[in-house]
Amino acid sequence: MLTDNLPSLKAWTQGINVSFPVLSDYWPHGHTALKYDVLRSEGIAERAIFIIDKKGIIRYIDVHDINEDPGMNAIIRTLEEIEGKK
């Protein structure tokens, strides 16, 4: 979950070659991160990944150190499972 603005978010997703939709929680700043309890007191979100299916069911949660690369394997596997590809 990112509290960055849209241009920053676009640059980040292009940099890691992401082809699925991601949330910009820029305005109101951190509103969604606060609801998911991942907004730090200094106003930035934890490095948090939530995959929510089309029915609104949370299918994957990963909250980890902001300096740690989460990798894409588990994310891709979960997305494939949701789409019925695995």
PDB file of N, CA and C in Angstrom:
ATOM      1  N   MET A   1       0.858  -1.157   0.000  1.00  0.00           N
ATOM      2  CA  MET A   1       0.000   0.000   0.000  1.00  0.00           C
ATOM      3  C   MET A   1       0.907   1.222   0.000  1.00  0.00           C
ATOM      4  N   LEU A   2       0.676   2.114  -0.921  1.00  0.00           N
ATOM      5  CA  LEU A   2       1.542   3.273  -1.058  1.00  0.00           C
ATOM      6  C   LEU A   2       0.785   4.557  -0.767  1.00  0.00           C
ATOM      7  N   THR A   3       1.411   5.442  -0.018  1.00  0.00           N
ATOM      8  CA  THR A   3       0.815   6.749   0.214  1.00  0.00           C
ATOM      9  C   THR A   3       1.408   7.781  -0.742  1.00  0.00           C
ATOM     10  N   ASP A   4       2.032   7.313  -1.812  1.00  0.00           N
ATOM     11  CA  ASP A   4       2.637   8.189  -2.815  1.00  0.00           C
ATOM     12  C   ASP A   4       1.585   8.750  -3.759  1.00  0.00           C
ATOM     13  N   ASN A   5       1.943   9.847  -4.440  1.00  0.00           N
ATOM     14  CA  ASN A   5       1.044  10.403  -5.440  1.00  0.00           C
ATOM     15  C   ASN A   5       1.073   9.548  -6.703  1.00  0.00           C
ATOM     16  N   LEU A   6       0.155   9.804  -7.611  1.00  0.00           N
ATOM     17  CA  LEU A   6       0.024   8.956  -8.809  1.00  0.00           C
ATOM     18  C   LEU A   6       1.262   8.925  -9.696  1.00  0.00           C
ATOM     19  N   PRO A   7       1.939  10.063  -9.973  1.00  0.00           N
ATOM     20  CA  PRO A   7       3.148   9.974 -10.790  1.00  0.00           C
ATOM     21  C   PRO A   7       4.242   9.096 -10.154  1.00  0.00           C
ATOM     22  N   SER A   8       4.416   9.196  -8.840  1.00  0.00           N
ATOM     23  CA  SER A   8       5.402   8.362  -8.153  1.00  0.00           C
ATOM     24  C   SER A   8       5.010   6.894  -8.225  1.00  0.00           C
ATOM     25  N   LEU A   9       3.730   6.628  -8.025  1.00  0.00           N
ATOM     26  CA  LEU A   9       3.232   5.265  -8.084  1.00  0.00           C
ATOM     27  C   LEU A   9       3.420   4.668  -9.481  1.00  0.00           C
ATOM     28  N   LYS A  10       3.131   5.455 -10.515  1.00  0.00           N
ATOM     29  CA  LYS A  10       3.299   4.982 -11.884  1.00  0.00           C
ATOM     30  C   LYS A  10       4.763   4.647 -12.165  1.00  0.00           C
ATOM     31  N   ALA A  11       5.678   5.518 -11.742  1.00  0.00           N
ATOM     32  CA  ALA A  11       7.111   5.270 -11.945  1.00  0.00           C
ATOM     33  C   ALA A  11       7.546   4.002 -11.219  1.00  0.00           C
ATOM     34  N   TRP A  12       7.060   3.797 -10.002  1.00  0.00           N
ATOM     35  CA  TRP A  12       7.425   2.608  -9.223  1.00  0.00           C
ATOM     36  C   TRP A  12       6.915   1.338  -9.895  1.00  0.00           C
ATOM     37  N   THR A  13       5.651   1.326 -10.321  1.00  0.00           N
ATOM     38  CA  THR A  13       5.100   0.116 -10.938  1.00  0.00           C
ATOM     39  C   THR A  13       5.781  -0.187 -12.270  1.00  0.00           C
ATOM     40  N   GLN A  14       6.124   0.843 -13.029  1.00  0.00           N
ATOM     41  CA  GLN A  14       6.847   0.613 -14.283  1.00  0.00           C
ATOM     42  C   GLN A  14       8.252   0.083 -14.001  1.00  0.00           C
ATOM     43  N   GLY A  15       8.871   0.573 -12.942  1.00  0.00           N
ATOM     44  CA  GLY A  15      10.223   0.145 -12.584  1.00  0.00           C
ATOM     45  C   GLY A  15      10.322  -1.312 -12.204  1.00  0.00           C
ATOM     46  N   ILE A  16       9.240  -1.864 -11.631  1.00  0.00           N
ATOM     47  CA  ILE A  16       9.258  -3.285 -11.256  1.00  0.00           C
ATOM     48  C   ILE A  16       8.373  -4.122 -12.162  1.00  0.00           C
ATOM     49  N   ASN A  17       7.893  -3.506 -13.237  1.00  0.00           N
ATOM     50  CA  ASN A  17       7.124  -4.214 -14.261  1.00  0.00           C
ATOM     51  C   ASN A  17       5.846  -4.855 -13.717  1.00  0.00           C
ATOM     52  N   VAL A  18       5.065  -4.080 -12.971  1.00  0.00           N
ATOM     53  CA  VAL A  18       3.796  -4.548 -12.414  1.00  0.00           C
ATOM     54  C   VAL A  18       2.689  -4.316 -13.433  1.00  0.00           C
ATOM     55  N   SER A  19       1.890  -5.346 -13.671  1.00  0.00           N
ATOM     56  CA  SER A  19       0.813  -5.207 -14.653  1.00  0.00           C
ATOM     57  C   SER A  19      -0.581  -5.339 -14.024  1.00  0.00           C
ATOM     58  N   PHE A  20      -0.660  -5.331 -12.709  1.00  0.00           N
ATOM     59  CA  PHE A  20      -1.948  -5.408 -12.034  1.00  0.00           C
ATOM     60  C   PHE A  20      -2.224  -4.086 -11.323  1.00  0.00           C
ATOM     61  N   PRO A  21      -3.494  -3.782 -11.038  1.00  0.00           N
ATOM     62  CA  PRO A  21      -3.813  -2.492 -10.408  1.00  0.00           C
ATOM     63  C   PRO A  21      -3.279  -2.401  -8.982  1.00  0.00           C
ATOM     64  N   VAL A  22      -2.796  -1.224  -8.633  1.00  0.00           N
ATOM     65  CA  VAL A  22      -2.321  -0.961  -7.276  1.00  0.00           C
ATOM     66  C   VAL A  22      -3.009   0.309  -6.762  1.00  0.00           C
ATOM     67  N   LEU A  23      -3.046   0.456  -5.460  1.00  0.00           N
ATOM     68  CA  LEU A  23      -3.743   1.567  -4.827  1.00  0.00           C
ATOM     69  C   LEU A  23      -2.786   2.691  -4.476  1.00  0.00           C
ATOM     70  N   SER A  24      -3.136   3.902  -4.859  1.00  0.00           N
ATOM     71  CA  SER A  24      -2.441   5.088  -4.359  1.00  0.00           C
ATOM     72  C   SER A  24      -3.285   5.637  -3.224  1.00  0.00           C
ATOM     73  N   ASP A  25      -2.725   5.666  -2.059  1.00  0.00           N
ATOM     74  CA  ASP A  25      -3.435   6.124  -0.862  1.00  0.00           C
ATOM     75  C   ASP A  25      -3.018   7.553  -0.529  1.00  0.00           C
ATOM     76  N   TYR A  26      -2.863   8.366  -1.575  1.00  0.00           N
ATOM     77  CA  TYR A  26      -2.337   9.718  -1.412  1.00  0.00           C
ATOM     78  C   TYR A  26      -3.352  10.694  -0.813  1.00  0.00           C
ATOM     79  N   TRP A  27      -4.600  10.623  -1.304  1.00  0.00           N
ATOM     80  CA  TRP A  27      -5.591  11.578  -0.796  1.00  0.00           C
ATOM     81  C   TRP A  27      -6.932  10.918  -0.614  1.00  0.00           C
ATOM     82  N   PRO A  28      -7.597  11.058   0.519  1.00  0.00           N
ATOM     83  CA  PRO A  28      -7.012  11.679   1.700  1.00  0.00           C
ATOM     84  C   PRO A  28      -5.833  10.846   2.193  1.00  0.00           C
ATOM     85  N   HIS A  29      -4.755  11.513   2.497  1.00  0.00           N
ATOM     86  CA  HIS A  29      -3.471  10.869   2.775  1.00  0.00           C
ATOM     87  C   HIS A  29      -3.576   9.765   3.823  1.00  0.00           C
ATOM     88  N   GLY A  30      -3.226   8.553   3.396  1.00  0.00           N
ATOM     89  CA  GLY A  30      -3.162   7.422   4.314  1.00  0.00           C
ATOM     90  C   GLY A  30      -4.504   6.895   4.787  1.00  0.00           C
ATOM     91  N   HIS A  31      -5.589   7.333   4.197  1.00  0.00           N
ATOM     92  CA  HIS A  31      -6.923   6.938   4.659  1.00  0.00           C
ATOM     93  C   HIS A  31      -7.104   5.417   4.657  1.00  0.00           C
ATOM     94  N   THR A  32      -6.733   4.782   3.561  1.00  0.00           N
ATOM     95  CA  THR A  32      -6.893   3.331   3.465  1.00  0.00           C
ATOM     96  C   THR A  32      -5.889   2.613   4.353  1.00  0.00           C
ATOM     97  N   ALA A  33      -4.644   3.088   4.371  1.00  0.00           N
ATOM     98  CA  ALA A  33      -3.624   2.477   5.235  1.00  0.00           C
ATOM     99  C   ALA A  33      -4.062   2.524   6.700  1.00  0.00           C
ATOM    100  N   LEU A  34      -4.679   3.612   7.092  1.00  0.00           N
ATOM    101  CA  LEU A  34      -5.182   3.732   8.463  1.00  0.00           C
ATOM    102  C   LEU A  34      -6.255   2.680   8.726  1.00  0.00           C
ATOM    103  N   LYS A  35      -7.168   2.490   7.778  1.00  0.00           N
ATOM    104  CA  LYS A  35      -8.230   1.493   7.946  1.00  0.00           C
ATOM    105  C   LYS A  35      -7.681   0.068   8.029  1.00  0.00           C
ATOM    106  N   TYR A  36      -6.569  -0.193   7.333  1.00  0.00           N
ATOM    107  CA  TYR A  36      -5.951  -1.523   7.351  1.00  0.00           C
ATOM    108  C   TYR A  36      -4.880  -1.640   8.429  1.00  0.00           C
ATOM    109  N   ASP A  37      -4.758  -0.607   9.262  1.00  0.00           N
ATOM    110  CA  ASP A  37      -3.838  -0.585  10.402  1.00  0.00           C
ATOM    111  C   ASP A  37      -2.377  -0.745   9.981  1.00  0.00           C
ATOM    112  N   VAL A  38      -1.996  -0.083   8.873  1.00  0.00           N
ATOM    113  CA  VAL A  38      -0.603  -0.141   8.425  1.00  0.00           C
ATOM    114  C   VAL A  38      -0.012   1.264   8.207  1.00  0.00           C
ATOM    115  N   LEU A  39      -0.661   2.296   8.768  1.00  0.00           N
ATOM    116  CA  LEU A  39      -0.144   3.657   8.649  1.00  0.00           C
ATOM    117  C   LEU A  39       0.733   3.957   9.855  1.00  0.00           C
ATOM    118  N   ARG A  40       1.984   4.294   9.598  1.00  0.00           N
ATOM    119  CA  ARG A  40       2.904   4.653  10.679  1.00  0.00           C
ATOM    120  C   ARG A  40       2.572   6.043  11.213  1.00  0.00           C
ATOM    121  N   SER A  41       3.002   6.321  12.429  1.00  0.00           N
ATOM    122  CA  SER A  41       2.720   7.618  13.065  1.00  0.00           C
ATOM    123  C   SER A  41       3.320   8.781  12.289  1.00  0.00           C
ATOM    124  N   GLU A  42       4.400   8.544  11.528  1.00  0.00           N
ATOM    125  CA  GLU A  42       5.005   9.632  10.752  1.00  0.00           C
ATOM    126  C   GLU A  42       4.319   9.853   9.409  1.00  0.00           C
ATOM    127  N   GLY A  43       3.217   9.132   9.148  1.00  0.00           N
ATOM    128  CA  GLY A  43       2.402   9.382   7.965  1.00  0.00           C
ATOM    129  C   GLY A  43       2.742   8.582   6.735  1.00  0.00           C
ATOM    130  N   ILE A  44       3.600   7.575   6.869  1.00  0.00           N
ATOM    131  CA  ILE A  44       3.879   6.689   5.738  1.00  0.00           C
ATOM    132  C   ILE A  44       3.342   5.296   6.065  1.00  0.00           C
ATOM    133  N   ALA A  45       3.038   4.567   5.021  1.00  0.00           N
ATOM    134  CA  ALA A  45       2.496   3.219   5.226  1.00  0.00           C
ATOM    135  C   ALA A  45       3.621   2.218   5.395  1.00  0.00           C
ATOM    136  N   GLU A  46       3.354   1.175   6.160  1.00  0.00           N
ATOM    137  CA  GLU A  46       4.252   0.029   6.195  1.00  0.00           C
ATOM    138  C   GLU A  46       4.327  -0.535   4.785  1.00  0.00           C
ATOM    139  N   ARG A  47       5.335  -1.314   4.504  1.00  0.00           N
ATOM    140  CA  ARG A  47       5.328  -2.026   3.225  1.00  0.00           C
ATOM    141  C   ARG A  47       4.308  -3.141   3.400  1.00  0.00           C
ATOM    142  N   ALA A  48       3.153  -2.935   2.838  1.00  0.00           N
ATOM    143  CA  ALA A  48       2.038  -3.850   3.032  1.00  0.00           C
ATOM    144  C   ALA A  48       1.427  -4.206   1.691  1.00  0.00           C
ATOM    145  N   ILE A  49       1.171  -5.474   1.532  1.00  0.00           N
ATOM    146  CA  ILE A  49       0.544  -5.957   0.307  1.00  0.00           C
ATOM    147  C   ILE A  49      -0.735  -6.681   0.710  1.00  0.00           C
ATOM    148  N   PHE A  50      -1.844  -6.196   0.172  1.00  0.00           N
ATOM    149  CA  PHE A  50      -3.136  -6.835   0.361  1.00  0.00           C
ATOM    150  C   PHE A  50      -3.670  -7.155  -1.022  1.00  0.00           C
ATOM    151  N   ILE A  51      -4.042  -8.384  -1.250  1.00  0.00           N
ATOM    152  CA  ILE A  51      -4.713  -8.742  -2.497  1.00  0.00           C
ATOM    153  C   ILE A  51      -6.170  -8.983  -2.143  1.00  0.00           C
ATOM    154  N   ILE A  52      -7.036  -8.223  -2.795  1.00  0.00           N
ATOM    155  CA  ILE A  52      -8.470  -8.285  -2.531  1.00  0.00           C
ATOM    156  C   ILE A  52      -9.156  -8.695  -3.817  1.00  0.00           C
ATOM    157  N   ASP A  53      -9.949  -9.758  -3.757  1.00  0.00           N
ATOM    158  CA  ASP A  53     -10.595 -10.238  -4.981  1.00  0.00           C
ATOM    159  C   ASP A  53     -11.791  -9.365  -5.355  1.00  0.00           C
ATOM    160  N   LYS A  54     -12.419  -9.684  -6.450  1.00  0.00           N
ATOM    161  CA  LYS A  54     -13.522  -8.870  -6.973  1.00  0.00           C
ATOM    162  C   LYS A  54     -14.739  -8.863  -6.059  1.00  0.00           C
ATOM    163  N   LYS A  55     -14.826  -9.828  -5.155  1.00  0.00           N
ATOM    164  CA  LYS A  55     -15.929  -9.870  -4.195  1.00  0.00           C
ATOM    165  C   LYS A  55     -15.604  -9.105  -2.919  1.00  0.00           C
ATOM    166  N   GLY A  56     -14.398  -8.536  -2.854  1.00  0.00           N
ATOM    167  CA  GLY A  56     -13.989  -7.779  -1.677  1.00  0.00           C
ATOM    168  C   GLY A  56     -13.376  -8.627  -0.576  1.00  0.00           C
ATOM    169  N   ILE A  57     -13.047  -9.867  -0.889  1.00  0.00           N
ATOM    170  CA  ILE A  57     -12.453 -10.768   0.102  1.00  0.00           C
ATOM    171  C   ILE A  57     -10.935 -10.622   0.056  1.00  0.00           C
ATOM    172  N   ILE A  58     -10.327 -10.410   1.218  1.00  0.00           N
ATOM    173  CA  ILE A  58      -8.870 -10.324   1.286  1.00  0.00           C
ATOM    174  C   ILE A  58      -8.316 -11.728   1.102  1.00  0.00           C
ATOM    175  N   ARG A  59      -7.515 -11.905   0.077  1.00  0.00           N
ATOM    176  CA  ARG A  59      -6.970 -13.219  -0.261  1.00  0.00           C
ATOM    177  C   ARG A  59      -5.501 -13.374   0.108  1.00  0.00           C
ATOM    178  N   TYR A  60      -4.833 -12.257   0.393  1.00  0.00           N
ATOM    179  CA  TYR A  60      -3.397 -12.312   0.691  1.00  0.00           C
ATOM    180  C   TYR A  60      -3.027 -11.067   1.484  1.00  0.00           C
ATOM    181  N   ILE A  61      -2.225 -11.260   2.519  1.00  0.00           N
ATOM    182  CA  ILE A  61      -1.705 -10.148   3.314  1.00  0.00           C
ATOM    183  C   ILE A  61      -0.227 -10.408   3.564  1.00  0.00           C
ATOM    184  N   ASP A  62       0.582  -9.388   3.338  1.00  0.00           N
ATOM    185  CA  ASP A  62       2.004  -9.472   3.658  1.00  0.00           C
ATOM    186  C   ASP A  62       2.435  -8.099   4.148  1.00  0.00           C
ATOM    187  N   VAL A  63       2.792  -8.011   5.405  1.00  0.00           N
ATOM    188  CA  VAL A  63       3.309  -6.776   5.982  1.00  0.00           C
ATOM    189  C   VAL A  63       4.710  -7.092   6.479  1.00  0.00           C
ATOM    190  N   HIS A  64       5.680  -6.351   5.972  1.00  0.00           N
ATOM    191  CA  HIS A  64       7.061  -6.643   6.353  1.00  0.00           C
ATOM    192  C   HIS A  64       7.891  -5.371   6.406  1.00  0.00           C
ATOM    193  N   ASP A  65       9.134  -5.503   6.815  1.00  0.00           N
ATOM    194  CA  ASP A  65      10.041  -4.372   6.938  1.00  0.00           C
ATOM    195  C   ASP A  65      10.079  -3.559   5.655  1.00  0.00           C
ATOM    196  N   ILE A  66      10.046  -2.248   5.796  1.00  0.00           N
ATOM    197  CA  ILE A  66       9.990  -1.354   4.650  1.00  0.00           C
ATOM    198  C   ILE A  66      11.244  -1.455   3.773  1.00  0.00           C
ATOM    199  N   ASN A  67      12.340  -1.919   4.323  1.00  0.00           N
ATOM    200  CA  ASN A  67      13.584  -2.065   3.573  1.00  0.00           C
ATOM    201  C   ASN A  67      13.737  -3.440   2.941  1.00  0.00           C
ATOM    202  N   GLU A  68      12.770  -4.311   3.127  1.00  0.00           N
ATOM    203  CA  GLU A  68      12.819  -5.681   2.619  1.00  0.00           C
ATOM    204  C   GLU A  68      12.035  -5.791   1.315  1.00  0.00           C
ATOM    205  N   ASP A  69      12.621  -6.448   0.345  1.00  0.00           N
ATOM    206  CA  ASP A  69      11.942  -6.693  -0.932  1.00  0.00           C
ATOM    207  C   ASP A  69      11.026  -7.904  -0.760  1.00  0.00           C
ATOM    208  N   PRO A  70       9.727  -7.742  -0.971  1.00  0.00           N
ATOM    209  CA  PRO A  70       8.814  -8.862  -0.750  1.00  0.00           C
ATOM    210  C   PRO A  70       8.889  -9.930  -1.827  1.00  0.00           C
ATOM    211  N   GLY A  71       9.489  -9.615  -2.952  1.00  0.00           N
ATOM    212  CA  GLY A  71       9.483 -10.576  -4.050  1.00  0.00           C
ATOM    213  C   GLY A  71       8.098 -10.651  -4.659  1.00  0.00           C
ATOM    214  N   MET A  72       8.014 -11.263  -5.811  1.00  0.00           N
ATOM    215  CA  MET A  72       6.740 -11.307  -6.525  1.00  0.00           C
ATOM    216  C   MET A  72       6.129 -12.704  -6.588  1.00  0.00           C
ATOM    217  N   ASN A  73       6.865 -13.736  -6.212  1.00  0.00           N
ATOM    218  CA  ASN A  73       6.384 -15.110  -6.389  1.00  0.00           C
ATOM    219  C   ASN A  73       5.044 -15.385  -5.705  1.00  0.00           C
ATOM    220  N   ALA A  74       4.933 -15.056  -4.440  1.00  0.00           N
ATOM    221  CA  ALA A  74       3.687 -15.323  -3.710  1.00  0.00           C
ATOM    222  C   ALA A  74       2.545 -14.469  -4.243  1.00  0.00           C
ATOM    223  N   ILE A  75       2.853 -13.245  -4.653  1.00  0.00           N
ATOM    224  CA  ILE A  75       1.831 -12.353  -5.201  1.00  0.00           C
ATOM    225  C   ILE A  75       1.291 -12.913  -6.509  1.00  0.00           C
ATOM    226  N   ILE A  76       2.188 -13.286  -7.397  1.00  0.00           N
ATOM    227  CA  ILE A  76       1.782 -13.840  -8.695  1.00  0.00           C
ATOM    228  C   ILE A  76       1.005 -15.138  -8.504  1.00  0.00           C
ATOM    229  N   ARG A  77       1.478 -15.990  -7.617  1.00  0.00           N
ATOM    230  CA  ARG A  77       0.792 -17.259  -7.353  1.00  0.00           C
ATOM    231  C   ARG A  77      -0.637 -17.002  -6.852  1.00  0.00           C
ATOM    232  N   THR A  78      -0.805 -16.056  -5.936  1.00  0.00           N
ATOM    233  CA  THR A  78      -2.127 -15.730  -5.410  1.00  0.00           C
ATOM    234  C   THR A  78      -3.025 -15.173  -6.497  1.00  0.00           C
ATOM    235  N   LEU A  79      -2.504 -14.269  -7.327  1.00  0.00           N
ATOM    236  CA  LEU A  79      -3.298 -13.710  -8.420  1.00  0.00           C
ATOM    237  C   LEU A  79      -3.715 -14.790  -9.406  1.00  0.00           C
ATOM    238  N   GLU A  80      -2.825 -15.719  -9.699  1.00  0.00           N
ATOM    239  CA  GLU A  80      -3.160 -16.826 -10.597  1.00  0.00           C
ATOM    240  C   GLU A  80      -4.248 -17.716  -9.999  1.00  0.00           C
ATOM    241  N   GLU A  81      -4.170 -17.960  -8.694  1.00  0.00           N
ATOM    242  CA  GLU A  81      -5.194 -18.771  -8.015  1.00  0.00           C
ATOM    243  C   GLU A  81      -6.562 -18.076  -8.088  1.00  0.00           C
ATOM    244  N   ILE A  82      -6.574 -16.773  -7.880  1.00  0.00           N
ATOM    245  CA  ILE A  82      -7.814 -16.021  -7.941  1.00  0.00           C
ATOM    246  C   ILE A  82      -8.427 -16.098  -9.333  1.00  0.00           C
ATOM    247  N   GLU A  83      -7.578 -15.997 -10.347  1.00  0.00           N
ATOM    248  CA  GLU A  83      -8.045 -16.036 -11.730  1.00  0.00           C
ATOM    249  C   GLU A  83      -8.295 -17.461 -12.217  1.00  0.00           C
ATOM    250  N   GLY A  84      -8.036 -18.453 -11.361  1.00  0.00           N
ATOM    251  CA  GLY A  84      -8.278 -19.844 -11.733  1.00  0.00           C
ATOM    252  C   GLY A  84      -7.247 -20.414 -12.686  1.00  0.00           C
ATOM    253  N   LYS A  85      -6.072 -19.825 -12.708  1.00  0.00           N
ATOM    254  CA  LYS A  85      -5.028 -20.297 -13.602  1.00  0.00           C
ATOM    255  C   LYS A  85      -4.133 -21.337 -12.960  1.00  0.00           C
ATOM    256  N   LYS A  86      -4.313 -21.601 -11.683  1.00  0.00           N
ATOM    257  CA  LYS A  86      -3.505 -22.596 -10.980  1.00  0.00           C
ATOM    258  C   LYS A  86      -4.366 -23.443 -10.099  1.00  0.00           C
TER     259      LYS A  86
END
